[in-house]
Each structure stands twice: as structure tokens, then as C-alpha cells.
Amino acid sequence: MEQQDTKEHSPEHRITTAELGPFCFARCSCGWRGPARRARSLARTEGRKHAVG
């Protein structure tokens, strides 16, 4: 299941989250992918940090 982050980011960094089994990870339209996490909130936070710099 994929979810788009509700906060707006620059067009180069469009953050989504995806689930793989019991894990969730953030990924970006620029190709970046965060580490798999059990907590969705942590994956979203890492995605936001990537998007802002």
C-alpha cells in the first residue's frame, strides 16, 4: 500500500511511503529510498528530512 505524504514538497522530491510485509519505507521521486522501518511514523519523518535537505 502506497501513501503520498500530505505535506507539499518541491517537484524534485515527491515523498511516498510503501509497505513490504511488516515494514514501511519512504521513497522519493528522485530515486532515494529510506531504510525499512516497523514504524510508519519514522519512515515518514525520514522522508521529510530527505525532502528538506
Protein backbone atom coordinates (compact mmCIF):
# COMPACT_ATOMS: atom_id res chain seq x y z
CA MET A 1 0.00 0.00 0.00
CA GLU A 2 1.44 3.34 -1.01
CA GLN A 3 0.58 6.67 0.57
CA GLN A 4 1.59 10.13 -0.50
CA ASP A 5 2.83 12.45 2.19
CA THR A 6 0.28 15.20 2.80
CA LYS A 7 2.86 18.00 3.02
CA GLU A 8 3.88 19.76 -0.17
CA HIS A 9 7.48 19.46 -1.32
CA SER A 10 9.40 20.69 -4.31
CA PRO A 11 8.65 18.82 -7.56
CA GLU A 12 12.06 17.12 -7.41
CA HIS A 13 11.24 15.48 -4.08
CA ARG A 14 7.83 13.85 -4.01
CA ILE A 15 7.78 11.56 -0.97
CA THR A 16 5.63 8.45 -0.66
CA THR A 17 5.59 5.56 1.77
CA ALA A 18 5.28 1.91 0.84
CA GLU A 19 4.88 -1.27 2.82
CA LEU A 20 6.68 -4.56 2.32
CA GLY A 21 5.48 -7.21 4.75
CA PRO A 22 5.70 -5.82 8.29
CA PHE A 23 7.99 -2.98 7.18
CA CYS A 24 7.37 0.51 5.84
CA PHE A 25 9.82 2.70 3.96
CA ALA A 26 9.85 6.16 2.46
CA ARG A 27 10.79 6.71 -1.15
CA CYS A 28 11.27 9.77 -3.28
CA SER A 29 10.66 10.62 -6.92
CA CYS A 30 14.39 11.42 -7.22
CA GLY A 31 15.23 7.74 -6.61
CA TRP A 32 16.11 7.88 -2.92
CA ARG A 33 14.73 5.12 -0.71
CA GLY A 34 14.92 5.09 3.07
CA PRO A 35 15.61 2.06 5.23
CA ALA A 36 12.78 -0.31 6.10
CA ARG A 37 11.16 0.55 9.42
CA ARG A 38 8.46 -1.09 11.51
CA ALA A 39 7.08 2.33 12.48
CA ARG A 40 5.34 4.23 9.68
CA SER A 41 5.84 7.48 11.54
CA LEU A 42 9.63 7.01 11.49
CA ALA A 43 9.62 6.25 7.77
CA ARG A 44 7.57 9.42 7.10
CA THR A 45 9.93 11.50 9.26
CA GLU A 46 12.96 10.23 7.35
CA GLY A 47 11.22 11.07 4.07
CA ARG A 48 10.52 14.61 5.21
CA LYS A 49 14.12 15.06 6.31
CA HIS A 50 15.31 13.89 2.90
CA ALA A 51 12.96 16.30 1.11
CA VAL A 52 14.15 19.38 3.00
CA GLY A 53 17.81 18.67 2.71
